């Protein structure tokens, strides 16, 4: 059973302070994510902030400038914290606010904490410099760093009681995570190249003459970079279409949260599709008023109703 707002307000002061810290991290570091989770009830929003803050810590280790062996050690230490949370060994007066908040969230919600192990595994792939020959290879990485987050989130807001076909909910949450991650990869293709990383599959790069990489505002000479982007956009759209089947399974506010986060990324994908070269010139983003519109649209339940009608027609 989900905790009530009253339950969250009556939390001990150290736990409230820990959640407040996590909400501050989320608001300052994850504006797209924050737009979605602000639509949740208080307890779920705090739990999602704790989940984000822990995930951000893992990502920051992977993205930092430390030597690979030091990163691996720090990721190991982060996994030790996760083990302490799993074993119920984090007290409310622990000096690590993220651990305190996540431990409380894990006591209140059925969060599958193994998903955070998968996230650590995915970041370790970055640390080791793993590259991806095929989409199936990249999909494994995306499931670790994004699909797992979808499944973890589902542990917090869960399917609505009585919703149909909820046995597929985790699968759809995982697929929606893949869609968001592939959109991220397209948006950040130049930034990642500057950090020595290439995520797009090598066979896709070769197919469109882009194996030379993206180290400037122009694509490799003789390449079909727009063709590559449009190819990956179609793949992401198919993932969104599948993952959006999760929406009718959620209650109104949880569905609004997911629709807002996914809607922002779908609009980013639209922008990238219209101007593929924009991702080589700088980061593609949405203005605040457009994000607010997506949030209102999600809160109205429009997307969930539309997906529900489409699913009903497919079953008919």
Foldseek 3Di string as FASTA:
>chain_A
DADALVVVVPDDPLLVVLLVVLLVCCVVPPVLLNLLLVLDHPLLSSLLSLVVVLLVVLVCLLPDDDQLVVSLVVLVVSVVLLVCLVVVNDDSPDPNSSSNNNSVLVVRWVFPSVLVVLLNVLSNCSSVQDEAADPVRLLSSLLNNFLSSLLRSCRRQNFDPPFPPSVCLSVLSSLLRSLLVLLVCLQQQQVQVVVVHHHPHCVLCVVFVQNVGQPALDGPPPGDQLVSLVVSLVVSVVSCLSSLLNLLRGPLSNSLSSQLSSVQSNVSSVVCNVPVSVSRVHGGGDDPVVSVVSSVCSNVVPSNVVSVVVVVVVVD
